[in-house]
Amino acid sequence: MIKRIATAVVLIPLVLLLVLRAPIAWVAAVTAAIALLTVQEFLKLAESYGVRPLRKATYGFVVFFFLLLMVNVGDEKPLLSTEIFGIAAAFAATMATFAFLTLAMRREQLSTSYPAAAASAFGFAYIALPLGMLVQLRQQWAGAFLILYLLLVVWAGDIFAYFVGRSVGRHRMAARISPKKTWEGAAASMIASLAAGALLFYYATPLCTALFEWGLIQRRDGIFALEKPALVPVLLLTAVLNGAAQLGDLVESLLKRGAGVKDSGTILPGHGGMLDRIDALLFAGPAAYFTILAFTG
């Protein structure tokens, strides 16, 4: 418990500083490093299923994808526009399957070719693409605030699910996949996320104003409207994000349970691996990206 709290105390300010203040190119570079670490853990899990993935090719493809995100296409848009990002993501997703299967043809045992290519392609789609969407969301108008909102919603839900589930949880949600997850914890997670999302948007203007005055946020990255956002859409979006986050957590538990391991890695004391820490964001991030862009254009 002490290690878990200490790690959070160190990492959370660094993450917030990166999200709020760092240039987009730095955000993309750090996200690429996180993606590589997470993919490495995923491929190690794949080996527990008897698969020998294409490690170097997968790492290279992840780096290639994030280099696309870091292309400067103009002074007004520091990275890719939404349209170009969609093209780049579709191109990368399509080429991943083609590239990995082509490389797998060189294997001496052809029976290992498809499982290896499938694991590498899945790792790219499961990890790199969602993290790329977070980078793209960060460069939208009010992007820093939107990422802050996403993180706080996910973190609040995760914290309350953990402590409430441990203290009063009785009814197992998915005993075969994650024995410690309970319906009481899931309900507490949803309530906490809804409260965090509602409060953050209710105080969006004074919060962004304070962050701007402290030099922690640029004007284009915050919300400075005089009118408060409508509560119902915020609550609906928050509920969707919490549901996606909890599902992402369960999916990663499924991968670990099938692999016969407790954690995906040991890089984060008290939390396990990088995949253990961002599993919820891998589902909640795309949900936020598509929902927010659908309503804001």
Protein backbone atom coordinates (compact mmCIF):
# COMPACT_ATOMS: atom_id res chain seq x y z
CA MET A 1 0.00 0.00 0.00
CA ILE A 2 2.79 2.43 0.95
CA LYS A 3 4.62 1.75 -2.34
CA ARG A 4 1.40 2.25 -4.28
CA ILE A 5 0.72 5.63 -2.66
CA ALA A 6 4.36 6.77 -2.94
CA THR A 7 4.46 5.94 -6.65
CA ALA A 8 1.23 7.86 -7.22
CA VAL A 9 2.51 10.88 -5.28
CA VAL A 10 5.59 11.02 -7.52
CA LEU A 11 3.94 10.26 -10.87
CA ILE A 12 0.70 12.26 -10.70
CA PRO A 13 2.36 15.73 -10.58
CA LEU A 14 4.68 14.75 -13.44
CA VAL A 15 1.76 13.52 -15.54
CA LEU A 16 -0.27 16.66 -14.83
CA LEU A 17 2.68 18.90 -15.70
CA LEU A 18 3.16 17.00 -18.97
CA VAL A 19 -0.53 17.24 -19.86
CA LEU A 20 -0.98 20.89 -18.94
CA ARG A 21 2.28 22.57 -19.88
CA ALA A 22 4.48 20.46 -22.16
CA PRO A 23 4.55 21.23 -25.93
CA ILE A 24 2.59 18.79 -28.06
CA ALA A 25 5.76 17.29 -29.53
CA TRP A 26 6.96 16.44 -26.02
CA VAL A 27 3.59 14.93 -25.18
CA ALA A 28 3.85 12.76 -28.29
CA ALA A 29 7.45 11.73 -27.50
CA VAL A 30 6.67 10.75 -23.89
CA THR A 31 3.52 8.93 -25.00
CA ALA A 32 5.59 7.03 -27.57
CA ALA A 33 7.97 5.91 -24.79
CA ILE A 34 5.00 4.78 -22.68
CA ALA A 35 3.60 2.93 -25.69
CA LEU A 36 6.89 1.09 -26.22
CA LEU A 37 7.10 0.04 -22.57
CA THR A 38 3.49 -1.10 -22.60
CA VAL A 39 3.86 -3.02 -25.86
CA GLN A 40 6.94 -4.73 -24.45
CA GLU A 41 4.88 -5.94 -21.48
CA PHE A 42 2.06 -7.06 -23.76
CA LEU A 43 4.38 -9.07 -25.99
CA LYS A 44 5.81 -10.73 -22.88
CA LEU A 45 2.25 -11.71 -21.93
CA ALA A 46 1.78 -13.10 -25.44
CA GLU A 47 4.77 -15.36 -24.93
CA SER A 48 2.97 -16.92 -21.97
CA TYR A 49 0.35 -18.08 -24.48
CA GLY A 50 3.03 -19.90 -26.46
CA VAL A 51 3.36 -17.15 -29.08
CA ARG A 52 6.72 -15.83 -30.30
CA PRO A 53 5.79 -12.30 -31.45
CA LEU A 54 7.77 -10.13 -33.84
CA ARG A 55 9.32 -7.95 -31.16
CA LYS A 56 11.68 -5.69 -33.15
CA ALA A 57 9.16 -5.20 -35.93
CA THR A 58 6.45 -4.27 -33.44
CA TYR A 59 8.66 -1.74 -31.69
CA GLY A 60 9.68 -0.27 -35.02
CA PHE A 61 6.08 0.05 -36.17
CA VAL A 62 5.05 1.81 -32.94
CA VAL A 63 7.91 4.29 -33.36
CA PHE A 64 6.91 4.83 -37.00
CA PHE A 65 3.32 5.58 -35.98
CA PHE A 66 4.29 8.16 -33.38
CA LEU A 67 6.71 9.78 -35.80
CA LEU A 68 3.70 10.33 -38.04
CA LEU A 69 2.00 12.08 -35.13
CA MET A 70 5.00 14.37 -34.67
CA VAL A 71 5.03 15.64 -38.24
CA ASN A 72 4.67 19.43 -38.23
CA VAL A 73 2.07 20.36 -40.84
CA GLY A 74 1.83 24.08 -40.21
CA ASP A 75 2.17 26.88 -37.69
CA GLU A 76 -1.47 26.85 -36.68
CA LYS A 77 -1.61 23.09 -36.09
CA PRO A 78 1.43 21.90 -34.18
CA LEU A 79 0.83 18.28 -35.11
CA LEU A 80 -1.60 16.42 -37.34
CA SER A 81 -5.05 17.78 -38.03
CA THR A 82 -7.99 15.57 -37.13
CA GLU A 83 -8.47 14.61 -40.77
CA ILE A 84 -4.83 13.72 -41.34
CA PHE A 85 -4.69 11.83 -38.06
CA GLY A 86 -7.61 9.69 -39.20
CA ILE A 87 -5.82 8.94 -42.45
CA ALA A 88 -2.55 8.18 -40.64
CA ALA A 89 -4.27 5.89 -38.11
CA ALA A 90 -6.20 4.02 -40.80
CA PHE A 91 -3.04 3.68 -42.90
CA ALA A 92 -1.01 2.40 -39.93
CA ALA A 93 -3.70 -0.06 -38.83
CA THR A 94 -4.03 -1.44 -42.35
CA MET A 95 -0.30 -1.67 -42.93
CA ALA A 96 0.32 -3.33 -39.55
CA THR A 97 -1.39 -6.56 -40.55
CA PHE A 98 0.25 -6.54 -43.98
CA ALA A 99 3.72 -5.76 -42.62
CA PHE A 100 3.69 -8.29 -39.79
CA LEU A 101 2.34 -11.12 -41.94
CA THR A 102 4.93 -10.35 -44.62
CA LEU A 103 7.75 -10.45 -42.08
CA ALA A 104 6.38 -13.64 -40.52
CA MET A 105 6.75 -15.40 -43.89
CA ARG A 106 10.49 -15.61 -43.19
CA ARG A 107 10.02 -17.92 -40.20
CA GLU A 108 11.27 -21.44 -40.47
CA GLN A 109 8.20 -22.84 -38.73
CA LEU A 110 5.27 -21.46 -40.70
CA SER A 111 2.84 -22.60 -38.02
CA THR A 112 4.16 -19.78 -35.82
CA SER A 113 3.79 -17.08 -38.48
CA TYR A 114 0.13 -16.18 -38.06
CA PRO A 115 0.10 -16.20 -34.21
CA ALA A 116 3.20 -13.98 -34.19
CA ALA A 117 1.76 -11.50 -36.69
CA ALA A 118 -1.63 -11.52 -34.93
CA ALA A 119 -0.05 -10.76 -31.54
CA SER A 120 1.99 -7.90 -32.97
CA ALA A 121 -0.93 -6.40 -34.88
CA PHE A 122 -3.20 -6.70 -31.84
CA GLY A 123 -0.59 -5.09 -29.60
CA PHE A 124 -0.37 -2.13 -31.97
CA ALA A 125 -4.16 -1.71 -32.18
CA TYR A 126 -4.70 -2.31 -28.46
CA ILE A 127 -1.98 0.03 -27.17
CA ALA A 128 -0.42 2.37 -29.75
CA LEU A 129 -3.60 3.52 -31.50
CA PRO A 130 -5.49 4.49 -28.29
CA LEU A 131 -2.45 6.34 -26.95
CA GLY A 132 -2.13 8.12 -30.28
CA MET A 133 -5.73 9.26 -29.90
CA LEU A 134 -4.85 10.82 -26.56
CA VAL A 135 -2.07 12.81 -28.23
CA GLN A 136 -4.52 13.95 -30.89
CA LEU A 137 -7.14 14.88 -28.28
CA ARG A 138 -4.54 16.92 -26.40
CA GLN A 139 -3.98 19.24 -29.37
CA GLN A 140 -7.67 20.08 -29.81
CA TRP A 141 -9.06 23.34 -28.45
CA ALA A 142 -9.28 22.97 -24.66
CA GLY A 143 -7.23 19.80 -25.15
CA ALA A 144 -5.30 20.04 -21.88
CA PHE A 145 -8.54 20.45 -19.94
CA LEU A 146 -10.14 17.53 -21.76
CA ILE A 147 -7.20 15.23 -20.99
CA LEU A 148 -7.24 16.45 -17.37
CA TYR A 149 -10.95 15.63 -17.22
CA LEU A 150 -10.36 12.17 -18.68
CA LEU A 151 -7.54 11.39 -16.24
CA LEU A 152 -9.44 12.60 -13.17
CA VAL A 153 -12.55 10.64 -14.14
CA VAL A 154 -10.52 7.46 -14.62
CA TRP A 155 -8.37 8.00 -11.52
CA ALA A 156 -11.35 8.80 -9.28
CA GLY A 157 -13.18 5.71 -10.46
CA ASP A 158 -10.11 3.51 -10.01
CA ILE A 159 -9.34 4.77 -6.50
CA PHE A 160 -12.89 4.37 -5.19
CA ALA A 161 -13.31 0.97 -6.84
CA TYR A 162 -10.12 -0.20 -5.12
CA PHE A 163 -10.87 1.01 -1.61
CA VAL A 164 -14.63 0.38 -1.57
CA GLY A 165 -14.18 -3.03 -3.17
CA ARG A 166 -11.58 -4.00 -0.56
CA SER A 167 -13.61 -2.74 2.39
CA VAL A 168 -17.25 -3.56 1.66
CA GLY A 169 -17.21 -5.52 -1.61
CA ARG A 170 -19.15 -8.78 -1.36
CA HIS A 171 -20.65 -9.56 -4.76
CA ARG A 172 -18.06 -10.66 -7.32
CA MET A 173 -18.32 -9.06 -10.75
CA ALA A 174 -16.22 -11.51 -12.77
CA ALA A 175 -14.76 -14.11 -10.42
CA ARG A 176 -13.03 -16.11 -13.16
CA ILE A 177 -11.29 -13.07 -14.61
CA SER A 178 -10.66 -10.79 -11.63
CA PRO A 179 -11.70 -12.28 -8.25
CA LYS A 180 -11.16 -9.03 -6.33
CA LYS A 181 -13.49 -6.90 -8.47
CA THR A 182 -16.97 -6.48 -7.00
CA TRP A 183 -20.21 -4.84 -8.00
CA GLU A 184 -19.97 -2.60 -4.94
CA GLY A 185 -16.59 -1.39 -6.16
CA ALA A 186 -17.95 -0.86 -9.67
CA ALA A 187 -20.86 1.21 -8.34
CA ALA A 188 -18.50 3.30 -6.19
CA SER A 189 -16.29 3.80 -9.23
CA MET A 190 -19.20 5.10 -11.30
CA ILE A 191 -20.40 7.46 -8.56
CA ALA A 192 -16.90 8.83 -7.97
CA SER A 193 -16.33 9.41 -11.68
CA LEU A 194 -19.66 11.19 -12.08
CA ALA A 195 -18.89 13.44 -9.11
CA ALA A 196 -15.39 14.22 -10.38
CA GLY A 197 -16.58 14.94 -13.92
CA ALA A 198 -19.48 17.15 -12.78
CA LEU A 199 -17.34 19.15 -10.35
CA LEU A 200 -14.53 19.63 -12.86
CA PHE A 201 -16.83 21.03 -15.54
CA TYR A 202 -18.81 23.09 -13.02
CA TYR A 203 -15.62 24.84 -11.92
CA ALA A 204 -13.95 24.68 -15.34
CA THR A 205 -13.67 28.43 -15.86
CA PRO A 206 -12.17 29.40 -12.47
CA LEU A 207 -9.88 26.36 -12.56
CA CYS A 208 -8.58 27.13 -16.05
CA THR A 209 -8.21 30.80 -15.12
CA ALA A 210 -6.10 29.88 -12.10
CA LEU A 211 -3.97 27.48 -14.14
CA PHE A 212 -3.49 30.18 -16.79
CA GLU A 213 -2.43 32.76 -14.21
CA TRP A 214 0.05 30.27 -12.71
CA GLY A 215 1.55 29.69 -16.14
CA LEU A 216 0.49 26.03 -16.22
CA ILE A 217 -1.82 26.21 -19.21
CA GLN A 218 -2.12 28.09 -22.51
CA ARG A 219 -5.36 29.93 -23.27
CA ARG A 220 -6.20 27.64 -26.21
CA ASP A 221 -5.87 24.59 -23.96
CA GLY A 222 -8.48 25.54 -21.36
CA ILE A 223 -12.15 26.47 -20.99
CA PHE A 224 -12.81 30.14 -20.28
CA ALA A 225 -16.50 30.44 -21.23
CA LEU A 226 -18.76 32.46 -18.98
CA GLU A 227 -21.54 29.88 -19.19
CA LYS A 228 -21.12 26.54 -17.47
CA PRO A 229 -21.38 23.43 -19.69
CA ALA A 230 -24.72 21.61 -19.57
CA LEU A 231 -24.72 19.03 -16.78
CA VAL A 232 -26.59 16.18 -18.49
CA PRO A 233 -24.18 15.76 -21.46
CA VAL A 234 -21.23 15.88 -19.05
CA LEU A 235 -22.76 13.17 -16.86
CA LEU A 236 -23.57 11.00 -19.88
CA LEU A 237 -20.05 11.34 -21.25
CA THR A 238 -18.57 10.62 -17.82
CA ALA A 239 -20.70 7.50 -17.45
CA VAL A 240 -19.52 6.27 -20.85
CA LEU A 241 -15.88 6.90 -19.92
CA ASN A 242 -16.21 5.14 -16.57
CA GLY A 243 -17.86 2.13 -18.20
CA ALA A 244 -15.12 1.99 -20.83
CA ALA A 245 -12.42 2.33 -18.16
CA GLN A 246 -13.84 -0.52 -16.07
CA LEU A 247 -14.12 -2.69 -19.16
CA GLY A 248 -10.52 -1.90 -20.08
CA ASP A 249 -9.43 -2.98 -16.62
CA LEU A 250 -11.31 -6.27 -16.96
CA VAL A 251 -9.85 -6.95 -20.40
CA GLU A 252 -6.32 -6.57 -19.09
CA SER A 253 -7.20 -8.87 -16.18
CA LEU A 254 -8.37 -11.41 -18.75
CA LEU A 255 -5.02 -11.23 -20.55
CA LYS A 256 -3.10 -11.68 -17.30
CA ARG A 257 -5.35 -14.47 -16.04
CA GLY A 258 -4.89 -16.39 -19.27
CA ALA A 259 -1.13 -15.85 -19.08
CA GLY A 260 -1.04 -16.96 -15.44
CA VAL A 261 0.58 -13.79 -14.08
CA LYS A 262 -0.49 -11.28 -11.41
CA ASP A 263 1.01 -8.13 -12.97
CA SER A 264 2.12 -7.23 -16.48
CA GLY A 265 5.47 -5.97 -15.16
CA THR A 266 7.33 -4.44 -12.23
CA ILE A 267 8.32 -1.00 -13.51
CA LEU A 268 5.91 0.86 -11.18
CA PRO A 269 6.34 -0.13 -7.50
CA GLY A 270 3.00 -0.98 -5.93
CA HIS A 271 1.19 -0.78 -9.27
CA GLY A 272 2.88 -3.49 -11.33
CA GLY A 273 3.61 -2.76 -14.96
CA MET A 274 2.81 0.09 -17.30
CA LEU A 275 -0.07 -1.90 -18.80
CA ASP A 276 -1.52 -2.38 -15.31
CA ARG A 277 -1.51 1.39 -14.85
CA ILE A 278 -2.97 2.52 -18.21
CA ASP A 279 -5.30 -0.40 -19.02
CA ALA A 280 -8.38 1.71 -18.29
CA LEU A 281 -7.16 4.57 -20.51
CA LEU A 282 -6.73 2.21 -23.46
CA PHE A 283 -10.53 1.91 -23.61
CA ALA A 284 -11.58 5.23 -22.06
CA GLY A 285 -9.23 7.26 -24.29
CA PRO A 286 -10.79 6.22 -27.61
CA ALA A 287 -14.27 6.60 -26.07
CA ALA A 288 -13.41 10.19 -25.11
CA TYR A 289 -11.77 10.92 -28.45
CA PHE A 290 -14.67 9.76 -30.62
CA THR A 291 -17.43 11.11 -28.36
CA ILE A 292 -15.91 14.55 -27.87
CA LEU A 293 -15.02 14.98 -31.53
CA ALA A 294 -18.47 13.80 -32.58
CA PHE A 295 -20.12 16.55 -30.52
CA THR A 296 -17.57 19.30 -31.10
CA GLY A 297 -16.68 18.59 -34.72
